[in-house]
Amino acid sequence: METEGRGNIEFGVANQENDEIVLKRKKLLEAKRHLLLLEEQIQDLHLVLKRFSRKHRSQKCQYSLKQRLAVLSGIRVMYQKYCQTLIEELSRVQNSRRDGY
């Protein structure tokens, strides 16, 4: 009877680890998708800024575009750090799972 109880506890822990791994993978995929969208927006903004600086000499518009570019670049850096953290946590959980068995 004791071994059955312990087996259920071990199965519960393993199930929790599996759920944690699946959740972290989903979060990582979502963050990577957001990163790709940010990269696309940044590239588009660079292109607009480049075109705008050639044709128009309006410093106000260039300033606002540069500010927007800076904000998007900052968000991109935050997402990159978040992805790196998720990757480290995911590998830690997977390594602890391997070491546990």
PDB file of N, CA and C in Angstrom:
ATOM      1  N   MET A   1       0.810  -1.179   0.000  1.00  0.00           N
ATOM      2  CA  MET A   1       0.000   0.000   0.000  1.00  0.00           C
ATOM      3  C   MET A   1       0.867   1.261   0.000  1.00  0.00           C
ATOM      4  N   GLU A   2       1.975   1.219   0.725  1.00  0.00           N
ATOM      5  CA  GLU A   2       2.832   2.395   0.783  1.00  0.00           C
ATOM      6  C   GLU A   2       3.432   2.704  -0.582  1.00  0.00           C
ATOM      7  N   THR A   3       3.830   1.674  -1.293  1.00  0.00           N
ATOM      8  CA  THR A   3       4.456   1.908  -2.600  1.00  0.00           C
ATOM      9  C   THR A   3       3.452   2.513  -3.577  1.00  0.00           C
ATOM     10  N   GLU A   4       2.173   2.121  -3.460  1.00  0.00           N
ATOM     11  CA  GLU A   4       1.171   2.705  -4.339  1.00  0.00           C
ATOM     12  C   GLU A   4       1.024   4.193  -4.071  1.00  0.00           C
ATOM     13  N   GLY A   5       1.004   4.588  -2.819  1.00  0.00           N
ATOM     14  CA  GLY A   5       0.889   5.999  -2.459  1.00  0.00           C
ATOM     15  C   GLY A   5       2.085   6.791  -2.945  1.00  0.00           C
ATOM     16  N   ARG A   6       3.275   6.230  -2.751  1.00  0.00           N
ATOM     17  CA  ARG A   6       4.485   6.919  -3.191  1.00  0.00           C
ATOM     18  C   ARG A   6       4.508   7.022  -4.712  1.00  0.00           C
ATOM     19  N   GLY A   7       4.050   5.993  -5.382  1.00  0.00           N
ATOM     20  CA  GLY A   7       4.002   6.022  -6.838  1.00  0.00           C
ATOM     21  C   GLY A   7       3.077   7.116  -7.348  1.00  0.00           C
ATOM     22  N   ASN A   8       1.950   7.290  -6.677  1.00  0.00           N
ATOM     23  CA  ASN A   8       1.031   8.349  -7.078  1.00  0.00           C
ATOM     24  C   ASN A   8       1.643   9.730  -6.857  1.00  0.00           C
ATOM     25  N   ILE A   9       2.385   9.882  -5.764  1.00  0.00           N
ATOM     26  CA  ILE A   9       3.041  11.155  -5.495  1.00  0.00           C
ATOM     27  C   ILE A   9       4.092  11.427  -6.573  1.00  0.00           C
ATOM     28  N   GLU A  10       4.886  10.410  -6.896  1.00  0.00           N
ATOM     29  CA  GLU A  10       5.912  10.581  -7.926  1.00  0.00           C
ATOM     30  C   GLU A  10       5.271  10.878  -9.270  1.00  0.00           C
ATOM     31  N   PHE A  11       4.159  10.199  -9.562  1.00  0.00           N
ATOM     32  CA  PHE A  11       3.457  10.459 -10.814  1.00  0.00           C
ATOM     33  C   PHE A  11       2.911  11.883 -10.826  1.00  0.00           C
ATOM     34  N   GLY A  12       2.400  12.338  -9.686  1.00  0.00           N
ATOM     35  CA  GLY A  12       1.886  13.705  -9.580  1.00  0.00           C
ATOM     36  C   GLY A  12       2.968  14.731  -9.808  1.00  0.00           C
ATOM     37  N   VAL A  13       4.159  14.491  -9.249  1.00  0.00           N
ATOM     38  CA  VAL A  13       5.281  15.403  -9.435  1.00  0.00           C
ATOM     39  C   VAL A  13       5.711  15.404 -10.894  1.00  0.00           C
ATOM     40  N   ALA A  14       5.784  14.213 -11.485  1.00  0.00           N
ATOM     41  CA  ALA A  14       6.176  14.113 -12.897  1.00  0.00           C
ATOM     42  C   ALA A  14       5.142  14.808 -13.780  1.00  0.00           C
ATOM     43  N   ASN A  15       3.874  14.652 -13.440  1.00  0.00           N
ATOM     44  CA  ASN A  15       2.812  15.291 -14.208  1.00  0.00           C
ATOM     45  C   ASN A  15       2.906  16.812 -14.094  1.00  0.00           C
ATOM     46  N   GLN A  16       3.215  17.305 -12.886  1.00  0.00           N
ATOM     47  CA  GLN A  16       3.400  18.740 -12.695  1.00  0.00           C
ATOM     48  C   GLN A  16       4.564  19.253 -13.530  1.00  0.00           C
ATOM     49  N   GLU A  17       5.661  18.502 -13.556  1.00  0.00           N
ATOM     50  CA  GLU A  17       6.825  18.906 -14.349  1.00  0.00           C
ATOM     51  C   GLU A  17       6.481  18.928 -15.831  1.00  0.00           C
ATOM     52  N   ASN A  18       5.707  17.929 -16.284  1.00  0.00           N
ATOM     53  CA  ASN A  18       5.290  17.921 -17.690  1.00  0.00           C
ATOM     54  C   ASN A  18       4.436  19.133 -18.009  1.00  0.00           C
ATOM     55  N   ASP A  19       3.496  19.459 -17.105  1.00  0.00           N
ATOM     56  CA  ASP A  19       2.655  20.633 -17.304  1.00  0.00           C
ATOM     57  C   ASP A  19       3.500  21.902 -17.332  1.00  0.00           C
ATOM     58  N   GLU A  20       4.498  21.967 -16.454  1.00  0.00           N
ATOM     59  CA  GLU A  20       5.366  23.137 -16.406  1.00  0.00           C
ATOM     60  C   GLU A  20       6.169  23.274 -17.696  1.00  0.00           C
ATOM     61  N   ILE A  21       6.655  22.155 -18.205  1.00  0.00           N
ATOM     62  CA  ILE A  21       7.421  22.170 -19.454  1.00  0.00           C
ATOM     63  C   ILE A  21       6.529  22.611 -20.616  1.00  0.00           C
ATOM     64  N   VAL A  22       5.336  22.080 -20.685  1.00  0.00           N
ATOM     65  CA  VAL A  22       4.409  22.430 -21.768  1.00  0.00           C
ATOM     66  C   VAL A  22       4.054  23.914 -21.690  1.00  0.00           C
ATOM     67  N   LEU A  23       3.793  24.399 -20.486  1.00  0.00           N
ATOM     68  CA  LEU A  23       3.440  25.805 -20.303  1.00  0.00           C
ATOM     69  C   LEU A  23       4.589  26.725 -20.710  1.00  0.00           C
ATOM     70  N   LYS A  24       5.801  26.375 -20.314  1.00  0.00           N
ATOM     71  CA  LYS A  24       6.965  27.196 -20.656  1.00  0.00           C
ATOM     72  C   LYS A  24       7.222  27.176 -22.164  1.00  0.00           C
ATOM     73  N   ARG A  25       7.011  26.037 -22.796  1.00  0.00           N
ATOM     74  CA  ARG A  25       7.187  25.962 -24.251  1.00  0.00           C
ATOM     75  C   ARG A  25       6.165  26.837 -24.970  1.00  0.00           C
ATOM     76  N   LYS A  26       4.917  26.832 -24.480  1.00  0.00           N
ATOM     77  CA  LYS A  26       3.887  27.674 -25.088  1.00  0.00           C
ATOM     78  C   LYS A  26       4.243  29.153 -24.928  1.00  0.00           C
ATOM     79  N   LYS A  27       4.697  29.515 -23.735  1.00  0.00           N
ATOM     80  CA  LYS A  27       5.085  30.900 -23.494  1.00  0.00           C
ATOM     81  C   LYS A  27       6.255  31.291 -24.385  1.00  0.00           C
ATOM     82  N   LEU A  28       7.207  30.383 -24.554  1.00  0.00           N
ATOM     83  CA  LEU A  28       8.365  30.657 -25.385  1.00  0.00           C
ATOM     84  C   LEU A  28       7.964  30.841 -26.844  1.00  0.00           C
ATOM     85  N   LEU A  29       7.087  29.991 -27.350  1.00  0.00           N
ATOM     86  CA  LEU A  29       6.622  30.122 -28.733  1.00  0.00           C
ATOM     87  C   LEU A  29       5.879  31.436 -28.940  1.00  0.00           C
ATOM     88  N   GLU A  30       5.058  31.813 -27.964  1.00  0.00           N
ATOM     89  CA  GLU A  30       4.317  33.067 -28.059  1.00  0.00           C
ATOM     90  C   GLU A  30       5.268  34.262 -28.032  1.00  0.00           C
ATOM     91  N   ALA A  31       6.265  34.213 -27.167  1.00  0.00           N
ATOM     92  CA  ALA A  31       7.240  35.303 -27.077  1.00  0.00           C
ATOM     93  C   ALA A  31       8.056  35.400 -28.366  1.00  0.00           C
ATOM     94  N   LYS A  32       8.412  34.268 -28.937  1.00  0.00           N
ATOM     95  CA  LYS A  32       9.163  34.289 -30.201  1.00  0.00           C
ATOM     96  C   LYS A  32       8.314  34.853 -31.337  1.00  0.00           C
ATOM     97  N   ARG A  33       7.031  34.555 -31.311  1.00  0.00           N
ATOM     98  CA  ARG A  33       6.124  35.095 -32.321  1.00  0.00           C
ATOM     99  C   ARG A  33       6.049  36.617 -32.184  1.00  0.00           C
ATOM    100  N   HIS A  34       5.973  37.089 -30.948  1.00  0.00           N
ATOM    101  CA  HIS A  34       5.948  38.535 -30.709  1.00  0.00           C
ATOM    102  C   HIS A  34       7.259  39.176 -31.151  1.00  0.00           C
ATOM    103  N   LEU A  35       8.363  38.477 -30.912  1.00  0.00           N
ATOM    104  CA  LEU A  35       9.670  39.002 -31.340  1.00  0.00           C
ATOM    105  C   LEU A  35       9.730  39.166 -32.856  1.00  0.00           C
ATOM    106  N   LEU A  36       9.213  38.192 -33.574  1.00  0.00           N
ATOM    107  CA  LEU A  36       9.198  38.289 -35.033  1.00  0.00           C
ATOM    108  C   LEU A  36       8.363  39.476 -35.507  1.00  0.00           C
ATOM    109  N   LEU A  37       7.223  39.696 -34.859  1.00  0.00           N
ATOM    110  CA  LEU A  37       6.392  40.837 -35.219  1.00  0.00           C
ATOM    111  C   LEU A  37       7.102  42.149 -34.914  1.00  0.00           C
ATOM    112  N   LEU A  38       7.785  42.204 -33.778  1.00  0.00           N
ATOM    113  CA  LEU A  38       8.539  43.409 -33.433  1.00  0.00           C
ATOM    114  C   LEU A  38       9.660  43.669 -34.435  1.00  0.00           C
ATOM    115  N   GLU A  39      10.359  42.618 -34.812  1.00  0.00           N
ATOM    116  CA  GLU A  39      11.430  42.760 -35.805  1.00  0.00           C
ATOM    117  C   GLU A  39      10.879  43.328 -37.114  1.00  0.00           C
ATOM    118  N   GLU A  40       9.731  42.826 -37.519  1.00  0.00           N
ATOM    119  CA  GLU A  40       9.112  43.302 -38.752  1.00  0.00           C
ATOM    120  C   GLU A  40       8.729  44.778 -38.635  1.00  0.00           C
ATOM    121  N   GLN A  41       8.154  45.159 -37.497  1.00  0.00           N
ATOM    122  CA  GLN A  41       7.778  46.555 -37.288  1.00  0.00           C
ATOM    123  C   GLN A  41       9.007  47.463 -37.268  1.00  0.00           C
ATOM    124  N   ILE A  42      10.076  47.003 -36.646  1.00  0.00           N
ATOM    125  CA  ILE A  42      11.302  47.792 -36.576  1.00  0.00           C
ATOM    126  C   ILE A  42      11.898  47.978 -37.973  1.00  0.00           C
ATOM    127  N   GLN A  43      11.915  46.907 -38.762  1.00  0.00           N
ATOM    128  CA  GLN A  43      12.432  47.019 -40.127  1.00  0.00           C
ATOM    129  C   GLN A  43      11.589  47.977 -40.961  1.00  0.00           C
ATOM    130  N   ASP A  44      10.267  47.877 -40.822  1.00  0.00           N
ATOM    131  CA  ASP A  44       9.383  48.791 -41.550  1.00  0.00           C
ATOM    132  C   ASP A  44       9.620  50.236 -41.125  1.00  0.00           C
ATOM    133  N   LEU A  45       9.800  50.443 -39.841  1.00  0.00           N
ATOM    134  CA  LEU A  45      10.024  51.791 -39.339  1.00  0.00           C
ATOM    135  C   LEU A  45      11.367  52.354 -39.813  1.00  0.00           C
ATOM    136  N   HIS A  46      12.379  51.505 -39.867  1.00  0.00           N
ATOM    137  CA  HIS A  46      13.671  51.924 -40.414  1.00  0.00           C
ATOM    138  C   HIS A  46      13.514  52.371 -41.874  1.00  0.00           C
ATOM    139  N   LEU A  47      12.755  51.596 -42.620  1.00  0.00           N
ATOM    140  CA  LEU A  47      12.539  51.918 -44.023  1.00  0.00           C
ATOM    141  C   LEU A  47      11.799  53.247 -44.173  1.00  0.00           C
ATOM    142  N   VAL A  48      10.759  53.447 -43.387  1.00  0.00           N
ATOM    143  CA  VAL A  48       9.996  54.697 -43.439  1.00  0.00           C
ATOM    144  C   VAL A  48      10.879  55.871 -43.049  1.00  0.00           C
ATOM    145  N   LEU A  49      11.663  55.689 -41.999  1.00  0.00           N
ATOM    146  CA  LEU A  49      12.555  56.754 -41.547  1.00  0.00           C
ATOM    147  C   LEU A  49      13.590  57.100 -42.618  1.00  0.00           C
ATOM    148  N   LYS A  50      14.102  56.081 -43.271  1.00  0.00           N
ATOM    149  CA  LYS A  50      15.100  56.296 -44.323  1.00  0.00           C
ATOM    150  C   LYS A  50      14.478  57.056 -45.501  1.00  0.00           C
ATOM    151  N   ARG A  51      13.288  56.628 -45.920  1.00  0.00           N
ATOM    152  CA  ARG A  51      12.598  57.307 -47.020  1.00  0.00           C
ATOM    153  C   ARG A  51      12.238  58.743 -46.640  1.00  0.00           C
ATOM    154  N   PHE A  52      11.759  58.885 -45.430  1.00  0.00           N
ATOM    155  CA  PHE A  52      11.313  60.190 -44.968  1.00  0.00           C
ATOM    156  C   PHE A  52      12.473  61.172 -44.881  1.00  0.00           C
ATOM    157  N   SER A  53      13.625  60.705 -44.452  1.00  0.00           N
ATOM    158  CA  SER A  53      14.769  61.599 -44.321  1.00  0.00           C
ATOM    159  C   SER A  53      15.308  62.037 -45.678  1.00  0.00           C
ATOM    160  N   ARG A  54      15.062  61.257 -46.709  1.00  0.00           N
ATOM    161  CA  ARG A  54      15.517  61.621 -48.053  1.00  0.00           C
ATOM    162  C   ARG A  54      14.590  62.657 -48.692  1.00  0.00           C
ATOM    163  N   LYS A  55      13.292  62.433 -48.560  1.00  0.00           N
ATOM    164  CA  LYS A  55      12.317  63.264 -49.263  1.00  0.00           C
ATOM    165  C   LYS A  55      11.962  64.531 -48.499  1.00  0.00           C
ATOM    166  N   HIS A  56      11.719  64.384 -47.227  1.00  0.00           N
ATOM    167  CA  HIS A  56      11.238  65.505 -46.433  1.00  0.00           C
ATOM    168  C   HIS A  56      12.320  65.930 -45.442  1.00  0.00           C
ATOM    169  N   ARG A  57      12.304  67.153 -45.122  1.00  0.00           N
ATOM    170  CA  ARG A  57      13.284  67.665 -44.168  1.00  0.00           C
ATOM    171  C   ARG A  57      12.624  68.037 -42.838  1.00  0.00           C
ATOM    172  N   SER A  58      11.473  67.486 -42.579  1.00  0.00           N
ATOM    173  CA  SER A  58      10.755  67.801 -41.354  1.00  0.00           C
ATOM    174  C   SER A  58      11.378  67.059 -40.170  1.00  0.00           C
ATOM    175  N   GLN A  59      11.944  67.823 -39.271  1.00  0.00           N
ATOM    176  CA  GLN A  59      12.616  67.219 -38.121  1.00  0.00           C
ATOM    177  C   GLN A  59      11.620  66.698 -37.092  1.00  0.00           C
ATOM    178  N   LYS A  60      10.420  67.299 -37.043  1.00  0.00           N
ATOM    179  CA  LYS A  60       9.416  66.857 -36.074  1.00  0.00           C
ATOM    180  C   LYS A  60       8.989  65.415 -36.355  1.00  0.00           C
ATOM    181  N   CYS A  61       8.739  65.121 -37.600  1.00  0.00           N
ATOM    182  CA  CYS A  61       8.307  63.765 -37.964  1.00  0.00           C
ATOM    183  C   CYS A  61       9.440  62.764 -37.770  1.00  0.00           C
ATOM    184  N   GLN A  62      10.646  63.168 -38.121  1.00  0.00           N
ATOM    185  CA  GLN A  62      11.790  62.279 -37.926  1.00  0.00           C
ATOM    186  C   GLN A  62      11.994  61.989 -36.444  1.00  0.00           C
ATOM    187  N   TYR A  63      11.802  63.000 -35.613  1.00  0.00           N
ATOM    188  CA  TYR A  63      11.967  62.834 -34.177  1.00  0.00           C
ATOM    189  C   TYR A  63      10.949  61.832 -33.624  1.00  0.00           C
ATOM    190  N   SER A  64       9.699  61.968 -34.039  1.00  0.00           N
ATOM    191  CA  SER A  64       8.673  61.048 -33.537  1.00  0.00           C
ATOM    192  C   SER A  64       8.911  59.618 -34.032  1.00  0.00           C
ATOM    193  N   LEU A  65       9.388  59.497 -35.270  1.00  0.00           N
ATOM    194  CA  LEU A  65       9.703  58.162 -35.792  1.00  0.00           C
ATOM    195  C   LEU A  65      10.877  57.538 -35.037  1.00  0.00           C
ATOM    196  N   LYS A  66      11.872  58.366 -34.722  1.00  0.00           N
ATOM    197  CA  LYS A  66      13.016  57.855 -33.968  1.00  0.00           C
ATOM    198  C   LYS A  66      12.616  57.451 -32.557  1.00  0.00           C
ATOM    199  N   GLN A  67      11.716  58.204 -31.954  1.00  0.00           N
ATOM    200  CA  GLN A  67      11.234  57.837 -30.620  1.00  0.00           C
ATOM    201  C   GLN A  67      10.480  56.511 -30.664  1.00  0.00           C
ATOM    202  N   ARG A  68       9.637  56.361 -31.639  1.00  0.00           N
ATOM    203  CA  ARG A  68       8.887  55.109 -31.796  1.00  0.00           C
ATOM    204  C   ARG A  68       9.834  53.939 -32.018  1.00  0.00           C
ATOM    205  N   LEU A  69      10.858  54.171 -32.814  1.00  0.00           N
ATOM    206  CA  LEU A  69      11.871  53.147 -33.072  1.00  0.00           C
ATOM    207  C   LEU A  69      12.601  52.765 -31.791  1.00  0.00           C
ATOM    208  N   ALA A  70      12.914  53.749 -30.968  1.00  0.00           N
ATOM    209  CA  ALA A  70      13.589  53.479 -29.695  1.00  0.00           C
ATOM    210  C   ALA A  70      12.707  52.662 -28.762  1.00  0.00           C
ATOM    211  N   VAL A  71      11.427  52.971 -28.724  1.00  0.00           N
ATOM    212  CA  VAL A  71      10.501  52.225 -27.868  1.00  0.00           C
ATOM    213  C   VAL A  71      10.394  50.778 -28.337  1.00  0.00           C
ATOM    214  N   LEU A  72      10.215  50.589 -29.631  1.00  0.00           N
ATOM    215  CA  LEU A  72      10.111  49.230 -30.170  1.00  0.00           C
ATOM    216  C   LEU A  72      11.401  48.447 -29.950  1.00  0.00           C
ATOM    217  N   SER A  73      12.541  49.111 -30.075  1.00  0.00           N
ATOM    218  CA  SER A  73      13.816  48.441 -29.832  1.00  0.00           C
ATOM    219  C   SER A  73      13.947  48.027 -28.363  1.00  0.00           C
ATOM    220  N   GLY A  74      13.482  48.878 -27.466  1.00  0.00           N
ATOM    221  CA  GLY A  74      13.502  48.536 -26.037  1.00  0.00           C
ATOM    222  C   GLY A  74      12.612  47.354 -25.717  1.00  0.00           C
ATOM    223  N   ILE A  75      11.439  47.335 -26.317  1.00  0.00           N
ATOM    224  CA  ILE A  75      10.519  46.210 -26.109  1.00  0.00           C
ATOM    225  C   ILE A  75      11.135  44.928 -26.661  1.00  0.00           C
ATOM    226  N   ARG A  76      11.803  45.039 -27.801  1.00  0.00           N
ATOM    227  CA  ARG A  76      12.464  43.876 -28.396  1.00  0.00           C
ATOM    228  C   ARG A  76      13.526  43.309 -27.457  1.00  0.00           C
ATOM    229  N   VAL A  77      14.309  44.186 -26.855  1.00  0.00           N
ATOM    230  CA  VAL A  77      15.343  43.739 -25.910  1.00  0.00           C
ATOM    231  C   VAL A  77      14.704  43.038 -24.716  1.00  0.00           C
ATOM    232  N   MET A  78      13.598  43.586 -24.224  1.00  0.00           N
ATOM    233  CA  MET A  78      12.905  42.940 -23.096  1.00  0.00           C
ATOM    234  C   MET A  78      12.405  41.559 -23.478  1.00  0.00           C
ATOM    235  N   TYR A  79      11.851  41.415 -24.674  1.00  0.00           N
ATOM    236  CA  TYR A  79      11.379  40.105 -25.125  1.00  0.00           C
ATOM    237  C   TYR A  79      12.539  39.132 -25.312  1.00  0.00           C
ATOM    238  N   GLN A  80      13.674  39.630 -25.795  1.00  0.00           N
ATOM    239  CA  GLN A  80      14.835  38.751 -25.948  1.00  0.00           C
ATOM    240  C   GLN A  80      15.305  38.230 -24.593  1.00  0.00           C
ATOM    241  N   LYS A  81      15.333  39.101 -23.591  1.00  0.00           N
ATOM    242  CA  LYS A  81      15.724  38.671 -22.250  1.00  0.00           C
ATOM    243  C   LYS A  81      14.702  37.693 -21.678  1.00  0.00           C
ATOM    244  N   TYR A  82      13.421  37.960 -21.923  1.00  0.00           N
ATOM    245  CA  TYR A  82      12.365  37.066 -21.448  1.00  0.00           C
ATOM    246  C   TYR A  82      12.501  35.688 -22.088  1.00  0.00           C
ATOM    247  N   CYS A  83      12.768  35.646 -23.388  1.00  0.00           N
ATOM    248  CA  CYS A  83      12.959  34.365 -24.078  1.00  0.00           C
ATOM    249  C   CYS A  83      14.167  33.626 -23.513  1.00  0.00           C
ATOM    250  N   GLN A  84      15.239  34.348 -23.268  1.00  0.00           N
ATOM    251  CA  GLN A  84      16.437  33.723 -22.703  1.00  0.00           C
ATOM    252  C   GLN A  84      16.141  33.142 -21.322  1.00  0.00           C
ATOM    253  N   THR A  85      15.385  33.866 -20.506  1.00  0.00           N
ATOM    254  CA  THR A  85      15.006  33.380 -19.178  1.00  0.00           C
ATOM    255  C   THR A  85      14.149  32.126 -19.284  1.00  0.00           C
ATOM    256  N   LEU A  86      13.192  32.135 -20.210  1.00  0.00           N
ATOM    257  CA  LEU A  86      12.347  30.954 -20.403  1.00  0.00           C
ATOM    258  C   LEU A  86      13.164  29.754 -20.860  1.00  0.00           C
ATOM    259  N   ILE A  87      14.115  29.977 -21.746  1.00  0.00           N
ATOM    260  CA  ILE A  87      14.963  28.879 -22.220  1.00  0.00           C
ATOM    261  C   ILE A  87      15.772  28.301 -21.066  1.00  0.00           C
ATOM    262  N   GLU A  88      16.327  29.172 -20.225  1.00  0.00           N
ATOM    263  CA  GLU A  88      17.107  28.696 -19.076  1.00  0.00           C
ATOM    264  C   GLU A  88      16.232  27.926 -18.094  1.00  0.00           C
ATOM    265  N   GLU A  89      15.029  28.427 -17.813  1.00  0.00           N
ATOM    266  CA  GLU A  89      14.118  27.734 -16.907  1.00  0.00           C
ATOM    267  C   GLU A  89      13.689  26.394 -17.482  1.00  0.00           C
ATOM    268  N   LEU A  90      13.419  26.372 -18.773  1.00  0.00           N
ATOM    269  CA  LEU A  90      13.006  25.136 -19.432  1.00  0.00           C
ATOM    270  C   LEU A  90      14.106  24.088 -19.374  1.00  0.00           C
ATOM    271  N   SER A  91      15.337  24.495 -19.640  1.00  0.00           N
ATOM    272  CA  SER A  91      16.438  23.534 -19.570  1.00  0.00           C
ATOM    273  C   SER A  91      16.684  23.083 -18.133  1.00  0.00           C
ATOM    274  N   ARG A  92      16.488  23.989 -17.157  1.00  0.00           N
ATOM    275  CA  ARG A  92      16.645  23.613 -15.750  1.00  0.00           C
ATOM    276  C   ARG A  92      15.610  22.566 -15.359  1.00  0.00           C
ATOM    277  N   VAL A  93      14.376  22.778 -15.755  1.00  0.00           N
ATOM    278  CA  VAL A  93      13.300  21.818 -15.431  1.00  0.00           C
ATOM    279  C   VAL A  93      13.561  20.485 -16.121  1.00  0.00           C
ATOM    280  N   GLN A  94      13.989  20.516 -17.370  1.00  0.00           N
ATOM    281  CA  GLN A  94      14.252  19.273 -18.091  1.00  0.00           C
ATOM    282  C   GLN A  94      15.445  18.537 -17.480  1.00  0.00           C
ATOM    283  N   ASN A  95      16.476  19.267 -17.076  1.00  0.00           N
ATOM    284  CA  ASN A  95      17.634  18.635 -16.454  1.00  0.00           C
ATOM    285  C   ASN A  95      17.282  18.040 -15.097  1.00  0.00           C
ATOM    286  N   SER A  96      16.476  18.743 -14.316  1.00  0.00           N
ATOM    287  CA  SER A  96      16.074  18.200 -13.018  1.00  0.00           C
ATOM    288  C   SER A  96      15.190  16.968 -13.200  1.00  0.00           C
ATOM    289  N   ARG A  97      14.412  16.982 -14.265  1.00  0.00           N
ATOM    290  CA  ARG A  97      13.573  15.812 -14.549  1.00  0.00           C
ATOM    291  C   ARG A  97      14.427  14.613 -14.921  1.00  0.00           C
ATOM    292  N   ARG A  98      15.470  14.838 -15.749  1.00  0.00           N
ATOM    293  CA  ARG A  98      16.362  13.747 -16.115  1.00  0.00           C
ATOM    294  C   ARG A  98      17.131  13.234 -14.910  1.00  0.00           C
ATOM    295  N   ASP A  99      17.595  14.156 -14.070  1.00  0.00           N
ATOM    296  CA  ASP A  99      18.350  13.765 -12.894  1.00  0.00           C
ATOM    297  C   ASP A  99      17.487  13.032 -11.882  1.00  0.00           C
ATOM    298  N   GLY A 100      16.195  13.347 -11.857  1.00  0.00           N
ATOM    299  CA  GLY A 100      15.281  12.721 -10.916  1.00  0.00           C
ATOM    300  C   GLY A 100      14.967  11.282 -11.257  1.00  0.00           C
ATOM    301  N   TYR A 101      15.106  10.914 -12.516  1.00  0.00           N
ATOM    302  CA  TYR A 101      14.758   9.531 -12.922  1.00  0.00           C
ATOM    303  C   TYR A 101      15.964   8.668 -13.029  1.00  0.00           C
TER     304      TYR A 101
END
